[in-house]
Amino acid sequence: FTLRRPLQEDEVRNLSLFEPRFLRLFDQLKEAGEARPGLRMAVAYAPVGIERPKNLWQNEAESPQNPEELPPLAVEVEVILDSKVRVVEVQKIVEGMGEDQRRRWRLEVKGTSEVLATAS
């Protein structure tokens, strides 16, 4: 996962995961009984990057009017990553709905002392 600000050891951050790939990943983790506090994963600081919605409707007439008909929001991401990633531990994890009525996973993560180098 990429972050807009570096995450330090013992720092707590909230993540709201809504992209289809993240929904699938955490659904699979839930099925395996692993979507729970204590889960460890890596996050990377992306000092430069852009996110843009993927496959938006070309005009309003194509857009569903009922929020339940909206597909999960997918984004395309182009980033430059920091040379190190921080391992985090999930403190809290909850399935939820956003204000946009789209499903998401909400995580509270805490930075560990473990840092890994990325391939450059």
Foldseek 3Di string as FASTA:
>chain_A
DEDQDDADAQDKDKDKFFAPVVVVVLVVCVVVVNQFFFDKDKYWYFPDKDKDWPPDDPDPVPDDPDLVPDDTTHIDMDTDTDQKIFMKTWHGWDWDADPSRGIIIMTMIGTHPDMDGDDD
